[in-house]
C-alpha atoms as a PDB file:
ATOM      1  CA  MET A   1     -77.012 -13.371 -49.268  1.00  0.00           C
ATOM      2  CA  ALA A   2     -75.462 -16.424 -50.938  1.00  0.00           C
ATOM      3  CA  LEU A   3     -72.149 -17.760 -48.702  1.00  0.00           C
ATOM      4  CA  SER A   4     -68.692 -17.451 -50.377  1.00  0.00           C
ATOM      5  CA  GLU A   5     -66.377 -20.779 -50.759  1.00  0.00           C
ATOM      6  CA  GLN A   6     -64.256 -19.437 -47.984  1.00  0.00           C
ATOM      7  CA  ASP A   7     -67.341 -18.730 -45.914  1.00  0.00           C
ATOM      8  CA  LYS A   8     -68.451 -22.158 -46.361  1.00  0.00           C
ATOM      9  CA  ALA A   9     -64.816 -23.284 -45.583  1.00  0.00           C
ATOM     10  CA  GLU A  10     -64.865 -21.156 -42.305  1.00  0.00           C
ATOM     11  CA  ARG A  11     -68.187 -22.601 -40.981  1.00  0.00           C
ATOM     12  CA  PRO A  12     -68.146 -24.117 -37.625  1.00  0.00           C
ATOM     13  CA  PHE A  13     -69.260 -27.988 -37.195  1.00  0.00           C
ATOM     14  CA  THR A  14     -71.447 -29.413 -35.327  1.00  0.00           C
ATOM     15  CA  VAL A  15     -70.861 -32.135 -32.871  1.00  0.00           C
ATOM     16  CA  ARG A  16     -72.566 -34.634 -35.056  1.00  0.00           C
ATOM     17  CA  GLU A  17     -70.864 -33.596 -38.016  1.00  0.00           C
ATOM     18  CA  VAL A  18     -67.133 -34.110 -36.531  1.00  0.00           C
ATOM     19  CA  ALA A  19     -68.274 -37.332 -34.852  1.00  0.00           C
ATOM     20  CA  GLU A  20     -69.482 -38.475 -38.610  1.00  0.00           C
ATOM     21  CA  PHE A  21     -66.504 -37.266 -40.251  1.00  0.00           C
ATOM     22  CA  LEU A  22     -63.898 -38.994 -37.450  1.00  0.00           C
ATOM     23  CA  GLN A  23     -65.987 -42.023 -37.490  1.00  0.00           C
ATOM     24  CA  LEU A  24     -66.705 -41.605 -33.730  1.00  0.00           C
ATOM     25  CA  LYS A  25     -70.231 -41.134 -31.170  1.00  0.00           C
ATOM     26  CA  PRO A  26     -71.010 -37.858 -30.808  1.00  0.00           C
ATOM     27  CA  THR A  27     -70.687 -38.581 -26.854  1.00  0.00           C
ATOM     28  CA  THR A  28     -66.786 -39.016 -27.655  1.00  0.00           C
ATOM     29  CA  ILE A  29     -66.360 -35.632 -29.278  1.00  0.00           C
ATOM     30  CA  VAL A  30     -68.295 -34.139 -26.361  1.00  0.00           C
ATOM     31  CA  SER A  31     -66.098 -35.625 -23.688  1.00  0.00           C
ATOM     32  CA  TRP A  32     -63.092 -34.312 -25.388  1.00  0.00           C
ATOM     33  CA  ILE A  33     -64.374 -31.273 -26.019  1.00  0.00           C
ATOM     34  CA  LYS A  34     -65.203 -31.210 -22.056  1.00  0.00           C
ATOM     35  CA  ASN A  35     -61.485 -32.552 -21.275  1.00  0.00           C
ATOM     36  CA  GLY A  36     -59.782 -29.650 -23.475  1.00  0.00           C
ATOM     37  CA  LYS A  37     -58.943 -32.331 -26.291  1.00  0.00           C
ATOM     38  CA  ILE A  38     -60.904 -30.036 -28.607  1.00  0.00           C
ATOM     39  CA  LYS A  39     -61.861 -26.622 -28.429  1.00  0.00           C
ATOM     40  CA  ALA A  40     -65.110 -25.334 -29.270  1.00  0.00           C
ATOM     41  CA  VAL A  41     -67.619 -22.517 -28.539  1.00  0.00           C
ATOM     42  CA  LYS A  42     -70.895 -23.220 -27.023  1.00  0.00           C
ATOM     43  CA  VAL A  43     -73.801 -21.611 -28.855  1.00  0.00           C
ATOM     44  CA  GLY A  44     -76.931 -21.766 -27.104  1.00  0.00           C
ATOM     45  CA  HIS A  45     -76.909 -25.729 -26.051  1.00  0.00           C
ATOM     46  CA  ALA A  46     -74.641 -26.637 -29.189  1.00  0.00           C
ATOM     47  CA  TRP A  47     -71.207 -27.115 -29.707  1.00  0.00           C
ATOM     48  CA  ARG A  48     -69.669 -25.396 -32.779  1.00  0.00           C
ATOM     49  CA  ILE A  49     -65.991 -26.489 -33.832  1.00  0.00           C
ATOM     50  CA  LYS A  50     -63.788 -25.019 -36.060  1.00  0.00           C
ATOM     51  CA  ARG A  51     -62.256 -26.918 -39.309  1.00  0.00           C
ATOM     52  CA  ARG A  52     -58.856 -26.043 -38.041  1.00  0.00           C
ATOM     53  CA  GLU A  53     -59.625 -27.854 -35.085  1.00  0.00           C
ATOM     54  CA  ILE A  54     -60.550 -31.132 -36.559  1.00  0.00           C
ATOM     55  CA  PHE A  55     -57.326 -31.152 -38.686  1.00  0.00           C
ATOM     56  CA  ARG A  56     -55.405 -30.326 -35.437  1.00  0.00           C
ATOM     57  CA  ILE A  57     -56.465 -33.681 -34.067  1.00  0.00           C
ATOM     58  CA  LEU A  58     -55.986 -35.425 -37.199  1.00  0.00           C
ATOM     59  CA  ASP A  59     -52.708 -34.130 -37.378  1.00  0.00           C
ATOM     60  CA  GLY A  60     -51.986 -35.517 -33.519  1.00  0.00           C
ATOM     61  CA  GLU A  61     -50.941 -31.754 -32.490  1.00  0.00           C
ATOM     62  CA  LYS A  62     -51.801 -31.142 -28.803  1.00  0.00           C
END
């Protein structure tokens, strides 16, 4: 089953993807998650971050 464009847009990002997008180190993103600056969900051993969370950070919201 192929993903729709909306499903692709809703796909959560990995720490590495967010770090690359924001031009930061993955350790910074993990630190932000642990400090509560970014909301994320842990799936197994990996964190997943929703797209809206990335844009919330970019918009300067708390």
